[in-house]
Amino acid sequence: VPLGDFFCNGWCRRKNVRSVPIAVNPAG
């Protein structure tokens, strides 16, 4: 899987995610 898509970020722009299995936090 492309890196961003695996972490629920498919558009090459960071969007924070607050889920149980995937978390994306500032600033990447």
PDB file of all heavy atoms in Angstrom:
ATOM      1  N   VAL A   1       0.855  -1.190   0.000  1.00  0.00           N
ATOM      2  CA  VAL A   1       0.000   0.000   0.000  1.00  0.00           C
ATOM      3  C   VAL A   1       0.892   1.243   0.000  1.00  0.00           C
ATOM      4  O   VAL A   1       1.905   1.279   0.707  1.00  0.00           O
ATOM      5  CB  VAL A   1      -0.909   0.035   1.258  1.00  0.00           C
ATOM      6  CG1 VAL A   1      -1.831   1.254   1.218  1.00  0.00           C
ATOM      7  CG2 VAL A   1      -1.735  -1.245   1.367  1.00  0.00           C
ATOM      8  N   PRO A   2       0.550   2.287  -0.762  1.00  0.00           N
ATOM      9  CA  PRO A   2       1.264   3.556  -0.616  1.00  0.00           C
ATOM     10  C   PRO A   2       1.212   4.043   0.823  1.00  0.00           C
ATOM     11  O   PRO A   2       0.205   3.865   1.518  1.00  0.00           O
ATOM     12  CB  PRO A   2       0.506   4.502  -1.556  1.00  0.00           C
ATOM     13  CG  PRO A   2      -0.113   3.599  -2.575  1.00  0.00           C
ATOM     14  CD  PRO A   2      -0.479   2.350  -1.831  1.00  0.00           C
ATOM     15  N   LEU A   3       2.290   4.659   1.260  1.00  0.00           N
ATOM     16  CA  LEU A   3       2.447   5.006   2.673  1.00  0.00           C
ATOM     17  C   LEU A   3       1.278   5.826   3.213  1.00  0.00           C
ATOM     18  O   LEU A   3       0.685   5.504   4.242  1.00  0.00           O
ATOM     19  CB  LEU A   3       3.755   5.777   2.860  1.00  0.00           C
ATOM     20  CG  LEU A   3       4.101   6.109   4.307  1.00  0.00           C
ATOM     21  CD1 LEU A   3       4.543   4.864   5.055  1.00  0.00           C
ATOM     22  CD2 LEU A   3       5.194   7.182   4.356  1.00  0.00           C
ATOM     23  N   GLY A   4       0.930   6.915   2.533  1.00  0.00           N
ATOM     24  CA  GLY A   4      -0.136   7.778   3.040  1.00  0.00           C
ATOM     25  C   GLY A   4      -1.467   7.068   3.111  1.00  0.00           C
ATOM     26  O   GLY A   4      -2.208   7.207   4.095  1.00  0.00           O
ATOM     27  N   ASP A   5      -1.804   6.302   2.089  1.00  0.00           N
ATOM     28  CA  ASP A   5      -3.085   5.598   2.069  1.00  0.00           C
ATOM     29  C   ASP A   5      -3.177   4.587   3.204  1.00  0.00           C
ATOM     30  O   ASP A   5      -4.238   4.432   3.811  1.00  0.00           O
ATOM     31  CB  ASP A   5      -3.276   4.905   0.719  1.00  0.00           C
ATOM     32  CG  ASP A   5      -3.380   5.890  -0.428  1.00  0.00           C
ATOM     33  OD1 ASP A   5      -2.324   6.315  -0.921  1.00  0.00           O
ATOM     34  OD2 ASP A   5      -4.504   6.247  -0.814  1.00  0.00           O
ATOM     35  N   PHE A   6      -2.079   3.883   3.493  1.00  0.00           N
ATOM     36  CA  PHE A   6      -2.112   2.919   4.598  1.00  0.00           C
ATOM     37  C   PHE A   6      -2.508   3.606   5.901  1.00  0.00           C
ATOM     38  O   PHE A   6      -3.224   3.033   6.722  1.00  0.00           O
ATOM     39  CB  PHE A   6      -0.744   2.252   4.751  1.00  0.00           C
ATOM     40  CG  PHE A   6      -0.712   1.194   5.826  1.00  0.00           C
ATOM     41  CD1 PHE A   6      -1.115  -0.102   5.551  1.00  0.00           C
ATOM     42  CD2 PHE A   6      -0.279   1.497   7.110  1.00  0.00           C
ATOM     43  CE1 PHE A   6      -1.099  -1.081   6.541  1.00  0.00           C
ATOM     44  CE2 PHE A   6      -0.261   0.533   8.099  1.00  0.00           C
ATOM     45  CZ  PHE A   6      -0.677  -0.761   7.815  1.00  0.00           C
ATOM     46  N   PHE A   7      -2.051   4.854   6.074  1.00  0.00           N
ATOM     47  CA  PHE A   7      -2.350   5.608   7.287  1.00  0.00           C
ATOM     48  C   PHE A   7      -3.520   6.578   7.087  1.00  0.00           C
ATOM     49  O   PHE A   7      -3.587   7.632   7.718  1.00  0.00           O
ATOM     50  CB  PHE A   7      -1.105   6.354   7.758  1.00  0.00           C
ATOM     51  CG  PHE A   7      -0.004   5.439   8.251  1.00  0.00           C
ATOM     52  CD1 PHE A   7       1.037   5.064   7.412  1.00  0.00           C
ATOM     53  CD2 PHE A   7      -0.025   4.944   9.540  1.00  0.00           C
ATOM     54  CE1 PHE A   7       2.050   4.223   7.859  1.00  0.00           C
ATOM     55  CE2 PHE A   7       0.980   4.097   9.994  1.00  0.00           C
ATOM     56  CZ  PHE A   7       2.018   3.741   9.155  1.00  0.00           C
ATOM     57  N   CYS A   8      -4.441   6.208   6.192  1.00  0.00           N
ATOM     58  CA  CYS A   8      -5.694   6.971   6.001  1.00  0.00           C
ATOM     59  C   CYS A   8      -5.445   8.408   5.570  1.00  0.00           C
ATOM     60  O   CYS A   8      -6.182   9.322   5.962  1.00  0.00           O
ATOM     61  CB  CYS A   8      -6.546   6.943   7.277  1.00  0.00           C
ATOM     62  SG  CYS A   8      -7.063   5.290   7.777  1.00  0.00           S
ATOM     63  N   ASN A   9      -4.433   8.610   4.733  1.00  0.00           N
ATOM     64  CA  ASN A   9      -4.147   9.915   4.153  1.00  0.00           C
ATOM     65  C   ASN A   9      -3.786   9.712   2.692  1.00  0.00           C
ATOM     66  O   ASN A   9      -2.612   9.496   2.351  1.00  0.00           O
ATOM     67  CB  ASN A   9      -3.000  10.603   4.889  1.00  0.00           C
ATOM     68  CG  ASN A   9      -3.465  11.429   6.065  1.00  0.00           C
ATOM     69  OD1 ASN A   9      -3.511  12.664   6.029  1.00  0.00           O
ATOM     70  ND2 ASN A   9      -3.826  10.747   7.141  1.00  0.00           N
ATOM     71  N   GLY A  10      -4.793   9.790   1.807  1.00  0.00           N
ATOM     72  CA  GLY A  10      -4.576   9.426   0.422  1.00  0.00           C
ATOM     73  C   GLY A  10      -4.256  10.561  -0.524  1.00  0.00           C
ATOM     74  O   GLY A  10      -4.017  10.300  -1.703  1.00  0.00           O
ATOM     75  N   TRP A  11      -4.250  11.808  -0.046  1.00  0.00           N
ATOM     76  CA  TRP A  11      -4.125  12.923  -0.976  1.00  0.00           C
ATOM     77  C   TRP A  11      -2.832  13.720  -0.813  1.00  0.00           C
ATOM     78  O   TRP A  11      -2.729  14.842  -1.283  1.00  0.00           O
ATOM     79  CB  TRP A  11      -5.323  13.857  -0.835  1.00  0.00           C
ATOM     80  CG  TRP A  11      -6.610  13.230  -1.286  1.00  0.00           C
ATOM     81  CD1 TRP A  11      -7.690  12.913  -0.532  1.00  0.00           C
ATOM     82  CD2 TRP A  11      -6.934  12.821  -2.622  1.00  0.00           C
ATOM     83  NE1 TRP A  11      -8.679  12.340  -1.299  1.00  0.00           N
ATOM     84  CE2 TRP A  11      -8.244  12.274  -2.592  1.00  0.00           C
ATOM     85  CE3 TRP A  11      -6.249  12.863  -3.847  1.00  0.00           C
ATOM     86  CZ2 TRP A  11      -8.876  11.774  -3.727  1.00  0.00           C
ATOM     87  CZ3 TRP A  11      -6.877  12.361  -4.971  1.00  0.00           C
ATOM     88  CH2 TRP A  11      -8.178  11.831  -4.897  1.00  0.00           C
ATOM     89  N   CYS A  12      -1.834  13.147  -0.127  1.00  0.00           N
ATOM     90  CA  CYS A  12      -0.526  13.794   0.056  1.00  0.00           C
ATOM     91  C   CYS A  12      -0.649  15.132   0.772  1.00  0.00           C
ATOM     92  O   CYS A  12       0.182  16.026   0.569  1.00  0.00           O
ATOM     93  CB  CYS A  12       0.206  13.955  -1.282  1.00  0.00           C
ATOM     94  SG  CYS A  12       0.611  12.378  -2.059  1.00  0.00           S
ATOM     95  N   ARG A  13      -1.688  15.252   1.569  1.00  0.00           N
ATOM     96  CA  ARG A  13      -1.856  16.395   2.477  1.00  0.00           C
ATOM     97  C   ARG A  13      -2.294  15.821   3.824  1.00  0.00           C
ATOM     98  O   ARG A  13      -3.254  15.066   3.877  1.00  0.00           O
ATOM     99  CB  ARG A  13      -2.917  17.376   1.979  1.00  0.00           C
ATOM    100  CG  ARG A  13      -2.557  18.089   0.696  1.00  0.00           C
ATOM    101  CD  ARG A  13      -3.626  19.131   0.365  1.00  0.00           C
ATOM    102  NE  ARG A  13      -3.352  19.810  -0.893  1.00  0.00           N
ATOM    103  CZ  ARG A  13      -4.108  20.786  -1.375  1.00  0.00           C
ATOM    104  NH1 ARG A  13      -5.193  21.188  -0.712  1.00  0.00           N
ATOM    105  NH2 ARG A  13      -3.806  21.362  -2.528  1.00  0.00           N
ATOM    106  N   ARG A  14      -1.600  16.171   4.872  1.00  0.00           N
ATOM    107  CA  ARG A  14      -1.889  15.553   6.159  1.00  0.00           C
ATOM    108  C   ARG A  14      -3.257  15.945   6.698  1.00  0.00           C
ATOM    109  O   ARG A  14      -3.611  17.119   6.743  1.00  0.00           O
ATOM    110  CB  ARG A  14      -0.828  15.931   7.202  1.00  0.00           C
ATOM    111  CG  ARG A  14      -1.142  15.383   8.601  1.00  0.00           C
ATOM    112  CD  ARG A  14      -0.068  15.759   9.598  1.00  0.00           C
ATOM    113  NE  ARG A  14       0.123  17.198   9.684  1.00  0.00           N
ATOM    114  CZ  ARG A  14      -0.592  18.013  10.472  1.00  0.00           C
ATOM    115  NH1 ARG A  14      -1.572  17.509  11.221  1.00  0.00           N
ATOM    116  NH2 ARG A  14      -0.336  19.301  10.502  1.00  0.00           N
ATOM    117  N   LYS A  15      -4.007  14.918   7.098  1.00  0.00           N
ATOM    118  CA  LYS A  15      -5.235  15.085   7.854  1.00  0.00           C
ATOM    119  C   LYS A  15      -5.101  14.214   9.105  1.00  0.00           C
ATOM    120  O   LYS A  15      -4.816  13.022   9.021  1.00  0.00           O
ATOM    121  CB  LYS A  15      -6.460  14.657   7.051  1.00  0.00           C
ATOM    122  CG  LYS A  15      -6.683  15.445   5.777  1.00  0.00           C
ATOM    123  CD  LYS A  15      -7.081  16.879   6.046  1.00  0.00           C
ATOM    124  CE  LYS A  15      -8.456  17.000   6.633  1.00  0.00           C
ATOM    125  NZ  LYS A  15      -8.917  18.424   6.731  1.00  0.00           N
ATOM    126  N   ASN A  16      -5.281  14.795  10.278  1.00  0.00           N
ATOM    127  CA  ASN A  16      -5.130  14.040  11.510  1.00  0.00           C
ATOM    128  C   ASN A  16      -6.213  12.972  11.631  1.00  0.00           C
ATOM    129  O   ASN A  16      -7.353  13.166  11.208  1.00  0.00           O
ATOM    130  CB  ASN A  16      -5.175  14.972  12.722  1.00  0.00           C
ATOM    131  CG  ASN A  16      -3.971  15.885  12.804  1.00  0.00           C
ATOM    132  OD1 ASN A  16      -2.935  15.612  12.193  1.00  0.00           O
ATOM    133  ND2 ASN A  16      -4.080  16.972  13.538  1.00  0.00           N
ATOM    134  N   VAL A  17      -5.847  11.843  12.200  1.00  0.00           N
ATOM    135  CA  VAL A  17      -6.752  10.710  12.386  1.00  0.00           C
ATOM    136  C   VAL A  17      -6.674  10.274  13.844  1.00  0.00           C
ATOM    137  O   VAL A  17      -5.573  10.140  14.397  1.00  0.00           O
ATOM    138  CB  VAL A  17      -6.368   9.528  11.458  1.00  0.00           C
ATOM    139  CG1 VAL A  17      -7.262   8.321  11.710  1.00  0.00           C
ATOM    140  CG2 VAL A  17      -6.440   9.957  10.004  1.00  0.00           C
ATOM    141  N   ARG A  18      -7.835  10.026  14.446  1.00  0.00           N
ATOM    142  CA  ARG A  18      -7.893   9.673  15.868  1.00  0.00           C
ATOM    143  C   ARG A  18      -8.655   8.357  16.057  1.00  0.00           C
ATOM    144  O   ARG A  18      -9.614   8.293  16.814  1.00  0.00           O
ATOM    145  CB  ARG A  18      -8.564  10.797  16.667  1.00  0.00           C
ATOM    146  CG  ARG A  18      -7.871  12.154  16.537  1.00  0.00           C
ATOM    147  CD  ARG A  18      -8.647  13.259  17.219  1.00  0.00           C
ATOM    148  NE  ARG A  18      -8.024  14.556  17.057  1.00  0.00           N
ATOM    149  CZ  ARG A  18      -8.219  15.364  16.026  1.00  0.00           C
ATOM    150  NH1 ARG A  18      -9.050  14.984  15.053  1.00  0.00           N
ATOM    151  NH2 ARG A  18      -7.612  16.524  15.940  1.00  0.00           N
ATOM    152  N   SER A  19      -8.240   7.331  15.359  1.00  0.00           N
ATOM    153  CA  SER A  19      -8.923   6.042  15.457  1.00  0.00           C
ATOM    154  C   SER A  19      -8.127   5.088  16.349  1.00  0.00           C
ATOM    155  O   SER A  19      -6.993   5.377  16.739  1.00  0.00           O
ATOM    156  CB  SER A  19      -9.125   5.436  14.073  1.00  0.00           C
ATOM    157  OG  SER A  19      -7.928   4.870  13.590  1.00  0.00           O
ATOM    158  N   VAL A  20      -8.730   3.926  16.641  1.00  0.00           N
ATOM    159  CA  VAL A  20      -8.042   2.930  17.466  1.00  0.00           C
ATOM    160  C   VAL A  20      -6.819   2.348  16.747  1.00  0.00           C
ATOM    161  O   VAL A  20      -5.718   2.358  17.294  1.00  0.00           O
ATOM    162  CB  VAL A  20      -9.017   1.808  17.889  1.00  0.00           C
ATOM    163  CG1 VAL A  20      -8.273   0.647  18.515  1.00  0.00           C
ATOM    164  CG2 VAL A  20     -10.051   2.349  18.867  1.00  0.00           C
ATOM    165  N   PRO A  21      -6.947   1.848  15.504  1.00  0.00           N
ATOM    166  CA  PRO A  21      -5.774   1.210  14.894  1.00  0.00           C
ATOM    167  C   PRO A  21      -4.841   2.162  14.151  1.00  0.00           C
ATOM    168  O   PRO A  21      -3.668   1.838  13.954  1.00  0.00           O
ATOM    169  CB  PRO A  21      -6.393   0.210  13.921  1.00  0.00           C
ATOM    170  CG  PRO A  21      -7.678   0.835  13.521  1.00  0.00           C
ATOM    171  CD  PRO A  21      -8.171   1.591  14.719  1.00  0.00           C
ATOM    172  N   ILE A  22      -5.334   3.321  13.696  1.00  0.00           N
ATOM    173  CA  ILE A  22      -4.526   4.279  12.945  1.00  0.00           C
ATOM    174  C   ILE A  22      -4.635   5.643  13.609  1.00  0.00           C
ATOM    175  O   ILE A  22      -5.737   6.124  13.856  1.00  0.00           O
ATOM    176  CB  ILE A  22      -4.974   4.384  11.478  1.00  0.00           C
ATOM    177  CG1 ILE A  22      -4.859   3.041  10.751  1.00  0.00           C
ATOM    178  CG2 ILE A  22      -4.175   5.474  10.754  1.00  0.00           C
ATOM    179  CD1 ILE A  22      -3.445   2.560  10.525  1.00  0.00           C
ATOM    180  N   ALA A  23      -3.480   6.259  13.879  1.00  0.00           N
ATOM    181  CA  ALA A  23      -3.456   7.616  14.417  1.00  0.00           C
ATOM    182  C   ALA A  23      -2.455   8.432  13.606  1.00  0.00           C
ATOM    183  O   ALA A  23      -1.317   7.999  13.403  1.00  0.00           O
ATOM    184  CB  ALA A  23      -3.064   7.619  15.894  1.00  0.00           C
ATOM    185  N   VAL A  24      -2.894   9.586  13.138  1.00  0.00           N
ATOM    186  CA  VAL A  24      -2.017  10.522  12.442  1.00  0.00           C
ATOM    187  C   VAL A  24      -2.059  11.823  13.226  1.00  0.00           C
ATOM    188  O   VAL A  24      -3.129  12.402  13.438  1.00  0.00           O
ATOM    189  CB  VAL A  24      -2.459  10.741  10.981  1.00  0.00           C
ATOM    190  CG1 VAL A  24      -1.556  11.765  10.297  1.00  0.00           C
ATOM    191  CG2 VAL A  24      -2.438   9.419  10.221  1.00  0.00           C
ATOM    192  N   ASN A  25      -0.884  12.254  13.669  1.00  0.00           N
ATOM    193  CA  ASN A  25      -0.786  13.367  14.601  1.00  0.00           C
ATOM    194  C   ASN A  25       0.114  14.457  14.033  1.00  0.00           C
ATOM    195  O   ASN A  25       0.952  14.192  13.159  1.00  0.00           O
ATOM    196  CB  ASN A  25      -0.221  12.875  15.941  1.00  0.00           C
ATOM    197  CG  ASN A  25      -1.047  11.741  16.531  1.00  0.00           C
ATOM    198  OD1 ASN A  25      -2.267  11.788  16.525  1.00  0.00           O
ATOM    199  ND2 ASN A  25      -0.384  10.710  17.036  1.00  0.00           N
ATOM    200  N   PRO A  26      -0.040  15.705  14.537  1.00  0.00           N
ATOM    201  CA  PRO A  26       0.827  16.793  14.068  1.00  0.00           C
ATOM    202  C   PRO A  26       2.304  16.447  14.285  1.00  0.00           C
ATOM    203  O   PRO A  26       2.672  15.899  15.316  1.00  0.00           O
ATOM    204  CB  PRO A  26       0.409  17.970  14.954  1.00  0.00           C
ATOM    205  CG  PRO A  26      -0.981  17.632  15.407  1.00  0.00           C
ATOM    206  CD  PRO A  26      -0.997  16.144  15.552  1.00  0.00           C
ATOM    207  N   ALA A  27       3.153  16.767  13.320  1.00  0.00           N
ATOM    208  CA  ALA A  27       2.780  17.288  12.011  1.00  0.00           C
ATOM    209  C   ALA A  27       3.159  16.263  10.958  1.00  0.00           C
ATOM    210  O   ALA A  27       3.955  16.515  10.074  1.00  0.00           O
ATOM    211  CB  ALA A  27       3.489  18.607  11.754  1.00  0.00           C
ATOM    212  N   GLY A  28       2.589  15.054  11.107  1.00  0.00           N
ATOM    213  CA  GLY A  28       2.861  13.987  10.158  1.00  0.00           C
ATOM    214  C   GLY A  28       3.329  12.698  10.797  1.00  0.00           C
ATOM    215  O   GLY A  28       3.951  11.868  10.129  1.00  0.00           O
TER     216      GLY A  28
END
